[in-house]
Amino acid sequence: MSRSALIIGKSAAVLADTVALLQNRGYAAEATNRFADVDTNFDLSRFDVVVFGGQVPAETRGRLGGEIGRLNPGAALVDGLAGIPGLIAAQVEGALAAAPEEPPASPSFDPDRRTVTLSLASTRTVTLTAWWQTSFVPPDPKSDSLILIDHERLAGQVAVPLPDVVPQQAAFVTVQFDDLSYAFSVASAQ
């Protein structure tokens, strides 16, 4: 059975690209930018994860979160980090990943050194991707990404410096250990 996701956000282009990415990865994904109509246009009880974009008003998040929690207590509610399709898809995957028997340590970020540190108790397959916004023109922000580690088998402590192409603001990283995914900000400037 396919896992299902609902993405609620502002940009039709970002939503369409995110849905396409998720569907290509085998998820049943839908999206909307009609905040007021979410609970009338969708059966909220059937989604495994719901992502709220940053433009969704707090009162709408609260109302929908309460309704989803009532209808489907097992659903994951995720605050989207940015309007970047690949980043949103990674957040969905992270929310739906089964917890491993021996979870790897969470990655950390040192803003002074601009370095992501991975502490791996055992050898893991790792993919690390940097994401950043290149244009903030509403309603369709633009973005770019760079894969820093691609399916490498790693163990121990690994420090990965962010290259200069990754800006100091509106920047994020996703780290995938086997099937487990983390997404977090690596912005070191406002």
N, C-alpha and C. Protein backbone atom coordinates (compact mmCIF):
# COMPACT_ATOMS: atom_id res chain seq x y z
N MET A 1 0.83 -1.18 0.00
CA MET A 1 0.00 0.00 0.00
C MET A 1 0.88 1.25 0.00
N SER A 2 0.57 2.19 -0.85
CA SER A 2 1.34 3.41 -1.00
C SER A 2 1.12 4.33 0.19
N ARG A 3 2.18 4.96 0.66
CA ARG A 3 2.08 5.97 1.71
C ARG A 3 1.56 7.25 1.07
N SER A 4 0.80 8.04 1.82
CA SER A 4 0.16 9.22 1.22
C SER A 4 0.57 10.51 1.91
N ALA A 5 0.69 11.56 1.11
CA ALA A 5 1.10 12.86 1.63
C ALA A 5 0.24 13.96 1.03
N LEU A 6 -0.05 14.96 1.84
CA LEU A 6 -0.73 16.17 1.39
C LEU A 6 0.20 17.33 1.69
N ILE A 7 0.48 18.13 0.67
CA ILE A 7 1.34 19.29 0.80
C ILE A 7 0.46 20.53 0.68
N ILE A 8 0.51 21.41 1.67
CA ILE A 8 -0.29 22.63 1.67
C ILE A 8 0.69 23.80 1.63
N GLY A 9 0.64 24.59 0.57
CA GLY A 9 1.58 25.69 0.42
C GLY A 9 1.06 26.74 -0.53
N LYS A 10 1.87 27.72 -0.81
CA LYS A 10 1.47 28.87 -1.61
C LYS A 10 1.74 28.70 -3.10
N SER A 11 2.94 28.27 -3.45
CA SER A 11 3.39 28.25 -4.83
C SER A 11 2.86 27.04 -5.60
N ALA A 12 2.07 27.29 -6.62
CA ALA A 12 1.54 26.20 -7.45
C ALA A 12 2.67 25.44 -8.12
N ALA A 13 3.72 26.14 -8.54
CA ALA A 13 4.85 25.48 -9.21
C ALA A 13 5.60 24.56 -8.25
N VAL A 14 5.87 25.04 -7.04
CA VAL A 14 6.56 24.22 -6.03
C VAL A 14 5.70 23.01 -5.67
N LEU A 15 4.41 23.24 -5.49
CA LEU A 15 3.50 22.13 -5.14
C LEU A 15 3.49 21.08 -6.23
N ALA A 16 3.37 21.51 -7.49
CA ALA A 16 3.32 20.56 -8.61
C ALA A 16 4.63 19.76 -8.71
N ASP A 17 5.76 20.44 -8.57
CA ASP A 17 7.05 19.74 -8.64
C ASP A 17 7.22 18.77 -7.48
N THR A 18 6.78 19.16 -6.29
CA THR A 18 6.89 18.28 -5.12
C THR A 18 6.03 17.04 -5.29
N VAL A 19 4.80 17.23 -5.74
CA VAL A 19 3.90 16.09 -5.97
C VAL A 19 4.51 15.15 -7.00
N ALA A 20 5.06 15.69 -8.09
CA ALA A 20 5.68 14.84 -9.12
C ALA A 20 6.85 14.04 -8.54
N LEU A 21 7.70 14.69 -7.75
CA LEU A 21 8.81 13.99 -7.12
C LEU A 21 8.32 12.84 -6.23
N LEU A 22 7.35 13.15 -5.38
CA LEU A 22 6.84 12.12 -4.47
C LEU A 22 6.16 10.98 -5.23
N GLN A 23 5.38 11.31 -6.24
CA GLN A 23 4.73 10.25 -7.02
C GLN A 23 5.75 9.38 -7.74
N ASN A 24 6.83 10.01 -8.24
CA ASN A 24 7.89 9.23 -8.90
C ASN A 24 8.60 8.30 -7.92
N ARG A 25 8.53 8.63 -6.63
CA ARG A 25 9.15 7.80 -5.59
C ARG A 25 8.16 6.81 -4.99
N GLY A 26 6.96 6.74 -5.55
CA GLY A 26 5.99 5.74 -5.12
C GLY A 26 4.98 6.19 -4.08
N TYR A 27 4.95 7.47 -3.76
CA TYR A 27 3.98 7.98 -2.79
C TYR A 27 2.71 8.42 -3.49
N ALA A 28 1.60 8.31 -2.79
CA ALA A 28 0.34 8.91 -3.26
C ALA A 28 0.37 10.33 -2.70
N ALA A 29 0.57 11.31 -3.57
CA ALA A 29 0.76 12.69 -3.11
C ALA A 29 -0.23 13.63 -3.78
N GLU A 30 -0.72 14.56 -2.98
CA GLU A 30 -1.60 15.61 -3.48
C GLU A 30 -1.16 16.92 -2.84
N ALA A 31 -1.60 18.03 -3.42
CA ALA A 31 -1.22 19.34 -2.90
C ALA A 31 -2.32 20.35 -3.18
N THR A 32 -2.29 21.42 -2.38
CA THR A 32 -3.24 22.51 -2.58
C THR A 32 -2.65 23.82 -2.10
N ASN A 33 -3.08 24.90 -2.75
CA ASN A 33 -2.73 26.24 -2.26
C ASN A 33 -4.00 27.00 -1.87
N ARG A 34 -5.08 26.27 -1.72
CA ARG A 34 -6.35 26.84 -1.28
C ARG A 34 -6.54 26.51 0.20
N PHE A 35 -5.94 27.34 1.04
CA PHE A 35 -5.89 27.06 2.48
C PHE A 35 -7.27 26.90 3.12
N ALA A 36 -8.21 27.73 2.70
CA ALA A 36 -9.53 27.74 3.34
C ALA A 36 -10.37 26.51 2.98
N ASP A 37 -10.01 25.82 1.89
CA ASP A 37 -10.82 24.71 1.40
C ASP A 37 -10.24 23.33 1.66
N VAL A 38 -9.14 23.25 2.41
CA VAL A 38 -8.45 21.96 2.57
C VAL A 38 -9.37 20.89 3.13
N ASP A 39 -10.07 21.21 4.23
CA ASP A 39 -10.88 20.17 4.88
C ASP A 39 -12.15 19.84 4.12
N THR A 40 -12.56 20.67 3.18
CA THR A 40 -13.73 20.32 2.36
C THR A 40 -13.33 19.63 1.07
N ASN A 41 -12.09 19.85 0.61
CA ASN A 41 -11.65 19.26 -0.66
C ASN A 41 -10.88 17.95 -0.50
N PHE A 42 -10.47 17.63 0.72
CA PHE A 42 -9.67 16.42 0.95
C PHE A 42 -10.20 15.65 2.14
N ASP A 43 -10.08 14.33 2.05
CA ASP A 43 -10.40 13.45 3.18
C ASP A 43 -9.16 13.39 4.05
N LEU A 44 -9.10 14.22 5.07
CA LEU A 44 -7.91 14.36 5.90
C LEU A 44 -7.56 13.10 6.70
N SER A 45 -8.49 12.17 6.78
CA SER A 45 -8.23 10.95 7.55
C SER A 45 -7.32 9.98 6.80
N ARG A 46 -7.09 10.21 5.53
CA ARG A 46 -6.36 9.21 4.74
C ARG A 46 -4.89 9.52 4.49
N PHE A 47 -4.39 10.66 4.98
CA PHE A 47 -3.00 11.02 4.72
C PHE A 47 -2.09 10.57 5.86
N ASP A 48 -0.95 10.00 5.48
CA ASP A 48 0.06 9.58 6.46
C ASP A 48 0.88 10.77 6.94
N VAL A 49 1.04 11.77 6.09
CA VAL A 49 1.80 12.96 6.44
C VAL A 49 1.18 14.18 5.75
N VAL A 50 1.15 15.30 6.48
CA VAL A 50 0.68 16.57 5.93
C VAL A 50 1.77 17.59 6.19
N VAL A 51 2.21 18.27 5.10
CA VAL A 51 3.25 19.29 5.20
C VAL A 51 2.59 20.66 5.07
N PHE A 52 2.89 21.54 6.03
CA PHE A 52 2.40 22.91 6.00
C PHE A 52 3.53 23.83 5.56
N GLY A 53 3.33 24.53 4.44
CA GLY A 53 4.31 25.50 3.98
C GLY A 53 4.30 26.74 4.86
N GLY A 54 5.35 27.53 4.74
CA GLY A 54 5.51 28.71 5.56
C GLY A 54 4.46 29.79 5.35
N GLN A 55 3.77 29.78 4.22
CA GLN A 55 2.76 30.79 3.94
C GLN A 55 1.38 30.40 4.47
N VAL A 56 1.25 29.20 5.02
CA VAL A 56 -0.02 28.78 5.59
C VAL A 56 -0.19 29.52 6.92
N PRO A 57 -1.27 30.30 7.09
CA PRO A 57 -1.46 31.05 8.33
C PRO A 57 -1.49 30.14 9.56
N ALA A 58 -0.95 30.66 10.67
CA ALA A 58 -0.87 29.88 11.92
C ALA A 58 -2.24 29.37 12.36
N GLU A 59 -3.28 30.19 12.23
CA GLU A 59 -4.61 29.74 12.65
C GLU A 59 -5.10 28.58 11.78
N THR A 60 -4.76 28.61 10.48
CA THR A 60 -5.14 27.51 9.59
C THR A 60 -4.38 26.24 9.95
N ARG A 61 -3.09 26.38 10.23
CA ARG A 61 -2.28 25.22 10.66
C ARG A 61 -2.88 24.60 11.92
N GLY A 62 -3.20 25.46 12.88
CA GLY A 62 -3.75 24.96 14.14
C GLY A 62 -5.08 24.25 13.94
N ARG A 63 -5.97 24.87 13.16
CA ARG A 63 -7.29 24.28 12.92
C ARG A 63 -7.15 22.94 12.19
N LEU A 64 -6.37 22.94 11.09
CA LEU A 64 -6.21 21.71 10.31
C LEU A 64 -5.44 20.64 11.09
N GLY A 65 -4.42 21.06 11.84
CA GLY A 65 -3.66 20.11 12.65
C GLY A 65 -4.55 19.42 13.66
N GLY A 66 -5.44 20.20 14.30
CA GLY A 66 -6.38 19.62 15.26
C GLY A 66 -7.34 18.65 14.60
N GLU A 67 -7.83 19.03 13.43
CA GLU A 67 -8.77 18.17 12.70
C GLU A 67 -8.08 16.88 12.24
N ILE A 68 -6.88 17.01 11.71
CA ILE A 68 -6.13 15.82 11.26
C ILE A 68 -5.83 14.91 12.45
N GLY A 69 -5.41 15.50 13.56
CA GLY A 69 -5.12 14.71 14.76
C GLY A 69 -6.34 13.96 15.27
N ARG A 70 -7.52 14.59 15.14
CA ARG A 70 -8.76 13.93 15.57
C ARG A 70 -9.12 12.79 14.63
N LEU A 71 -8.99 13.02 13.33
CA LEU A 71 -9.39 12.02 12.33
C LEU A 71 -8.35 10.91 12.15
N ASN A 72 -7.09 11.26 12.30
CA ASN A 72 -6.02 10.31 12.03
C ASN A 72 -4.85 10.59 12.98
N PRO A 73 -4.95 10.10 14.22
CA PRO A 73 -3.92 10.41 15.22
C PRO A 73 -2.51 9.96 14.82
N GLY A 74 -2.39 9.03 13.90
CA GLY A 74 -1.08 8.55 13.47
C GLY A 74 -0.43 9.39 12.39
N ALA A 75 -1.15 10.37 11.86
CA ALA A 75 -0.58 11.18 10.78
C ALA A 75 0.53 12.07 11.31
N ALA A 76 1.57 12.23 10.52
CA ALA A 76 2.67 13.13 10.86
C ALA A 76 2.35 14.52 10.31
N LEU A 77 2.50 15.53 11.15
CA LEU A 77 2.32 16.92 10.73
C LEU A 77 3.70 17.56 10.66
N VAL A 78 4.04 18.11 9.50
CA VAL A 78 5.39 18.62 9.26
C VAL A 78 5.33 20.09 8.88
N ASP A 79 6.17 20.90 9.51
CA ASP A 79 6.34 22.29 9.10
C ASP A 79 7.42 22.30 8.02
N GLY A 80 7.04 22.69 6.80
CA GLY A 80 7.99 22.75 5.71
C GLY A 80 9.09 23.76 6.01
N LEU A 81 10.31 23.44 5.63
CA LEU A 81 11.44 24.34 5.88
C LEU A 81 11.52 25.46 4.85
N ALA A 82 11.19 25.15 3.59
CA ALA A 82 11.28 26.15 2.52
C ALA A 82 10.56 25.62 1.29
N GLY A 83 10.26 26.52 0.37
CA GLY A 83 9.57 26.15 -0.86
C GLY A 83 10.52 25.56 -1.89
N ILE A 84 11.15 24.45 -1.53
CA ILE A 84 12.10 23.75 -2.40
C ILE A 84 11.58 22.32 -2.57
N PRO A 85 11.13 21.95 -3.76
CA PRO A 85 10.49 20.64 -3.95
C PRO A 85 11.29 19.45 -3.41
N GLY A 86 12.56 19.35 -3.71
CA GLY A 86 13.36 18.21 -3.24
C GLY A 86 13.49 18.19 -1.73
N LEU A 87 13.58 19.36 -1.12
CA LEU A 87 13.66 19.46 0.34
C LEU A 87 12.34 19.02 0.97
N ILE A 88 11.24 19.45 0.41
CA ILE A 88 9.92 19.04 0.93
C ILE A 88 9.75 17.53 0.80
N ALA A 89 10.14 16.98 -0.35
CA ALA A 89 10.03 15.53 -0.56
C ALA A 89 10.88 14.79 0.48
N ALA A 90 12.07 15.31 0.77
CA ALA A 90 12.93 14.68 1.79
C ALA A 90 12.29 14.76 3.16
N GLN A 91 11.61 15.87 3.47
CA GLN A 91 10.92 15.98 4.76
C GLN A 91 9.79 14.95 4.84
N VAL A 92 9.08 14.73 3.75
CA VAL A 92 8.03 13.71 3.73
C VAL A 92 8.64 12.34 3.98
N GLU A 93 9.72 12.03 3.27
CA GLU A 93 10.36 10.73 3.46
C GLU A 93 10.86 10.55 4.89
N GLY A 94 11.40 11.62 5.46
CA GLY A 94 11.87 11.54 6.84
C GLY A 94 10.74 11.29 7.82
N ALA A 95 9.60 11.93 7.57
CA ALA A 95 8.45 11.75 8.46
C ALA A 95 7.86 10.35 8.36
N LEU A 96 8.01 9.72 7.22
CA LEU A 96 7.42 8.40 7.01
C LEU A 96 8.38 7.23 7.22
N ALA A 97 9.66 7.52 7.41
CA ALA A 97 10.64 6.45 7.56
C ALA A 97 10.43 5.72 8.87
N ALA A 98 10.54 4.43 8.82
CA ALA A 98 10.45 3.61 10.04
C ALA A 98 11.72 3.80 10.84
N ALA A 99 11.59 3.89 12.14
CA ALA A 99 12.75 4.04 13.01
C ALA A 99 13.59 2.77 12.96
N PRO A 100 14.90 2.90 12.71
CA PRO A 100 15.75 1.70 12.66
C PRO A 100 16.00 1.14 14.05
N GLU A 101 16.41 -0.13 14.09
CA GLU A 101 16.73 -0.77 15.37
C GLU A 101 17.88 -0.06 16.05
N GLU A 102 18.90 0.30 15.29
CA GLU A 102 20.05 1.04 15.81
C GLU A 102 20.14 2.35 15.04
N PRO A 103 19.45 3.39 15.50
CA PRO A 103 19.47 4.63 14.74
C PRO A 103 20.85 5.28 14.74
N PRO A 104 21.28 5.78 13.59
CA PRO A 104 22.53 6.53 13.58
C PRO A 104 22.33 7.83 14.35
N ALA A 105 23.41 8.38 14.86
CA ALA A 105 23.31 9.66 15.58
C ALA A 105 22.81 10.73 14.61
N SER A 106 22.06 11.69 15.13
CA SER A 106 21.59 12.79 14.31
C SER A 106 22.77 13.60 13.82
N PRO A 107 22.70 14.07 12.60
CA PRO A 107 23.77 14.94 12.11
C PRO A 107 23.72 16.28 12.84
N SER A 108 24.84 16.98 12.86
CA SER A 108 24.89 18.30 13.49
C SER A 108 25.55 19.29 12.53
N PHE A 109 25.32 20.58 12.81
CA PHE A 109 25.89 21.62 11.95
C PHE A 109 26.63 22.64 12.81
N ASP A 110 27.85 22.94 12.42
CA ASP A 110 28.65 23.97 13.07
C ASP A 110 28.62 25.21 12.18
N PRO A 111 27.86 26.25 12.56
CA PRO A 111 27.74 27.43 11.70
C PRO A 111 29.03 28.22 11.54
N ASP A 112 29.92 28.17 12.55
CA ASP A 112 31.18 28.90 12.43
C ASP A 112 32.11 28.27 11.39
N ARG A 113 32.13 26.96 11.38
CA ARG A 113 32.97 26.25 10.40
C ARG A 113 32.22 25.89 9.13
N ARG A 114 30.89 26.11 9.17
CA ARG A 114 30.02 25.72 8.05
C ARG A 114 30.26 24.26 7.66
N THR A 115 30.16 23.40 8.69
CA THR A 115 30.45 21.98 8.50
C THR A 115 29.32 21.14 9.08
N VAL A 116 28.90 20.16 8.32
CA VAL A 116 27.94 19.16 8.78
C VAL A 116 28.74 17.97 9.29
N THR A 117 28.45 17.54 10.52
CA THR A 117 29.17 16.41 11.10
C THR A 117 28.21 15.24 11.25
N LEU A 118 28.66 14.10 10.78
CA LEU A 118 27.91 12.85 10.89
C LEU A 118 28.69 11.93 11.82
N SER A 119 28.03 11.41 12.83
CA SER A 119 28.65 10.45 13.73
C SER A 119 27.94 9.12 13.53
N LEU A 120 28.64 8.19 12.91
CA LEU A 120 28.03 6.92 12.52
C LEU A 120 28.64 5.78 13.33
N ALA A 121 27.81 5.13 14.13
CA ALA A 121 28.27 4.03 14.99
C ALA A 121 28.69 2.82 14.16
N SER A 122 28.09 2.68 12.99
CA SER A 122 28.44 1.57 12.11
C SER A 122 28.39 2.06 10.67
N THR A 123 28.85 1.23 9.78
CA THR A 123 28.87 1.62 8.37
C THR A 123 27.45 1.79 7.86
N ARG A 124 27.21 2.93 7.24
CA ARG A 124 25.89 3.27 6.69
C ARG A 124 26.06 3.80 5.28
N THR A 125 25.02 3.62 4.48
CA THR A 125 24.96 4.26 3.17
C THR A 125 24.42 5.67 3.39
N VAL A 126 25.17 6.67 2.96
CA VAL A 126 24.84 8.06 3.25
C VAL A 126 24.73 8.87 1.96
N THR A 127 23.68 9.71 1.92
CA THR A 127 23.55 10.73 0.88
C THR A 127 23.32 12.05 1.59
N LEU A 128 24.13 13.06 1.26
CA LEU A 128 24.00 14.37 1.86
C LEU A 128 23.84 15.39 0.74
N THR A 129 22.76 16.16 0.80
CA THR A 129 22.45 17.14 -0.23
C THR A 129 22.24 18.51 0.40
N ALA A 130 22.83 19.53 -0.20
CA ALA A 130 22.59 20.91 0.22
C ALA A 130 21.53 21.51 -0.71
N TRP A 131 20.63 22.31 -0.14
CA TRP A 131 19.55 22.96 -0.88
C TRP A 131 19.56 24.43 -0.50
N TRP A 132 19.25 25.31 -1.43
CA TRP A 132 19.15 26.73 -1.10
C TRP A 132 18.23 27.44 -2.08
N GLN A 133 17.66 28.52 -1.59
CA GLN A 133 16.79 29.33 -2.43
C GLN A 133 17.64 30.34 -3.19
N THR A 134 17.31 30.53 -4.47
CA THR A 134 18.05 31.46 -5.32
C THR A 134 17.22 32.70 -5.66
N SER A 135 15.91 32.59 -5.48
CA SER A 135 15.02 33.72 -5.75
C SER A 135 13.84 33.62 -4.79
N PHE A 136 13.46 34.76 -4.24
CA PHE A 136 12.38 34.78 -3.26
C PHE A 136 11.15 35.50 -3.80
N VAL A 137 11.03 35.58 -5.12
CA VAL A 137 9.92 36.31 -5.72
C VAL A 137 8.65 35.48 -5.59
N PRO A 138 7.67 35.98 -4.82
CA PRO A 138 6.42 35.23 -4.66
C PRO A 138 5.63 35.23 -5.97
N PRO A 139 4.83 34.25 -6.22
CA PRO A 139 4.59 33.11 -5.33
C PRO A 139 5.47 31.92 -5.65
N ASP A 140 6.39 32.06 -6.59
CA ASP A 140 7.18 30.91 -7.03
C ASP A 140 8.67 31.09 -6.78
N PRO A 141 9.14 30.74 -5.58
CA PRO A 141 10.57 30.84 -5.31
C PRO A 141 11.35 29.85 -6.17
N LYS A 142 12.58 30.17 -6.43
CA LYS A 142 13.47 29.29 -7.20
C LYS A 142 14.54 28.76 -6.24
N SER A 143 15.13 27.64 -6.61
CA SER A 143 16.11 27.02 -5.73
C SER A 143 17.16 26.25 -6.53
N ASP A 144 18.17 25.81 -5.82
CA ASP A 144 19.22 25.00 -6.42
C ASP A 144 19.64 23.97 -5.37
N SER A 145 20.44 23.01 -5.78
CA SER A 145 20.91 21.99 -4.85
C SER A 145 22.24 21.44 -5.32
N LEU A 146 22.93 20.78 -4.41
CA LEU A 146 24.21 20.15 -4.72
C LEU A 146 24.35 18.91 -3.85
N ILE A 147 24.61 17.77 -4.47
CA ILE A 147 24.84 16.54 -3.72
C ILE A 147 26.29 16.55 -3.26
N LEU A 148 26.50 16.47 -1.94
CA LEU A 148 27.84 16.51 -1.37
C LEU A 148 28.40 15.12 -1.09
N ILE A 149 27.53 14.18 -0.75
CA ILE A 149 27.89 12.78 -0.59
C ILE A 149 26.80 11.98 -1.28
N ASP A 150 27.18 11.04 -2.12
CA ASP A 150 26.17 10.30 -2.89
C ASP A 150 26.30 8.80 -2.68
N HIS A 151 25.47 8.27 -1.80
CA HIS A 151 25.38 6.83 -1.53
C HIS A 151 26.74 6.21 -1.16
N GLU A 152 27.50 6.92 -0.36
CA GLU A 152 28.78 6.39 0.08
C GLU A 152 28.60 5.58 1.35
N ARG A 153 29.40 4.55 1.50
CA ARG A 153 29.39 3.73 2.71
C ARG A 153 30.39 4.35 3.67
N LEU A 154 29.88 4.87 4.79
CA LEU A 154 30.72 5.60 5.74
C LEU A 154 30.52 5.07 7.15
N ALA A 155 31.54 5.24 7.98
CA ALA A 155 31.46 4.90 9.41
C ALA A 155 32.30 5.90 10.17
N GLY A 156 32.03 6.01 11.48
CA GLY A 156 32.80 6.91 12.32
C GLY A 156 32.33 8.35 12.20
N GLN A 157 33.19 9.27 12.56
CA GLN A 157 32.85 10.70 12.49
C GLN A 157 33.32 11.25 11.15
N VAL A 158 32.38 11.88 10.45
CA VAL A 158 32.65 12.44 9.13
C VAL A 158 32.25 13.91 9.15
N ALA A 159 33.18 14.79 8.81
CA ALA A 159 32.90 16.22 8.73
C ALA A 159 32.84 16.63 7.27
N VAL A 160 31.72 17.25 6.89
CA VAL A 160 31.52 17.65 5.50
C VAL A 160 31.38 19.17 5.44
N PRO A 161 32.40 19.86 4.91
CA PRO A 161 32.30 21.32 4.80
C PRO A 161 31.34 21.70 3.68
N LEU A 162 30.57 22.76 3.90
CA LEU A 162 29.71 23.26 2.84
C LEU A 162 30.55 24.08 1.88
N PRO A 163 30.44 23.83 0.59
CA PRO A 163 31.20 24.63 -0.37
C PRO A 163 30.66 26.07 -0.42
N ASP A 164 31.48 26.98 -0.91
CA ASP A 164 31.11 28.40 -0.97
C ASP A 164 29.86 28.65 -1.81
N VAL A 165 29.54 27.76 -2.74
CA VAL A 165 28.35 27.95 -3.57
C VAL A 165 27.06 27.90 -2.75
N VAL A 166 27.11 27.24 -1.58
CA VAL A 166 25.95 27.17 -0.69
C VAL A 166 25.92 28.48 0.11
N PRO A 167 24.89 29.30 -0.08
CA PRO A 167 24.85 30.60 0.60
C PRO A 167 24.67 30.45 2.11
N GLN A 168 24.89 31.56 2.81
CA GLN A 168 24.78 31.54 4.27
C GLN A 168 23.36 31.79 4.74
N GLN A 169 22.43 32.10 3.85
CA GLN A 169 21.04 32.25 4.25
C GLN A 169 20.16 31.41 3.33
N ALA A 170 18.99 31.06 3.85
CA ALA A 170 18.03 30.22 3.13
C ALA A 170 18.68 28.96 2.57
N ALA A 171 19.49 28.31 3.41
CA ALA A 171 20.19 27.09 3.01
C ALA A 171 19.82 25.95 3.96
N PHE A 172 19.76 24.75 3.40
CA PHE A 172 19.31 23.58 4.14
C PHE A 172 20.12 22.37 3.70
N VAL A 173 20.07 21.32 4.52
CA VAL A 173 20.74 20.08 4.18
C VAL A 173 19.78 18.93 4.47
N THR A 174 19.83 17.93 3.61
CA THR A 174 19.16 16.67 3.91
C THR A 174 20.25 15.60 3.99
N VAL A 175 20.12 14.74 4.98
CA VAL A 175 21.05 13.63 5.17
C VAL A 175 20.21 12.37 5.20
N GLN A 176 20.55 11.45 4.33
CA GLN A 176 19.85 10.17 4.31
C GLN A 176 20.82 9.08 4.72
N PHE A 177 20.48 8.38 5.81
CA PHE A 177 21.22 7.21 6.29
C PHE A 177 20.37 6.00 5.92
N ASP A 178 20.84 5.21 5.00
CA ASP A 178 20.03 4.08 4.54
C ASP A 178 18.65 4.62 4.17
N ASP A 179 17.59 4.27 4.91
CA ASP A 179 16.25 4.77 4.58
C ASP A 179 15.79 5.90 5.49
N LEU A 180 16.59 6.29 6.47
CA LEU A 180 16.23 7.34 7.41
C LEU A 180 16.69 8.68 6.85
N SER A 181 15.84 9.71 6.96
CA SER A 181 16.17 11.01 6.37
C SER A 181 16.01 12.12 7.40
N TYR A 182 16.99 13.04 7.42
CA TYR A 182 16.95 14.24 8.26
C TYR A 182 17.00 15.46 7.36
N ALA A 183 16.30 16.51 7.73
CA ALA A 183 16.35 17.77 7.00
C ALA A 183 16.45 18.89 8.02
N PHE A 184 17.37 19.84 7.80
CA PHE A 184 17.55 20.93 8.74
C PHE A 184 18.21 22.13 8.07
N SER A 185 18.09 23.28 8.73
CA SER A 185 18.67 24.52 8.22
C SER A 185 20.16 24.55 8.48
N VAL A 186 20.90 25.09 7.50
CA VAL A 186 22.33 25.34 7.68
C VAL A 186 22.62 26.82 7.41
N ALA A 187 21.60 27.64 7.60
CA ALA A 187 21.77 29.08 7.43
C ALA A 187 22.61 29.59 8.60
N SER A 188 23.66 30.31 8.28
CA SER A 188 24.49 30.87 9.33
C SER A 188 24.37 32.39 9.35
N ALA A 189 23.47 32.94 8.52
CA ALA A 189 23.19 34.37 8.50
C ALA A 189 21.70 34.56 8.30
N GLN A 190 21.16 35.65 8.84
CA GLN A 190 19.73 35.93 8.66
C GLN A 190 19.49 36.65 7.34
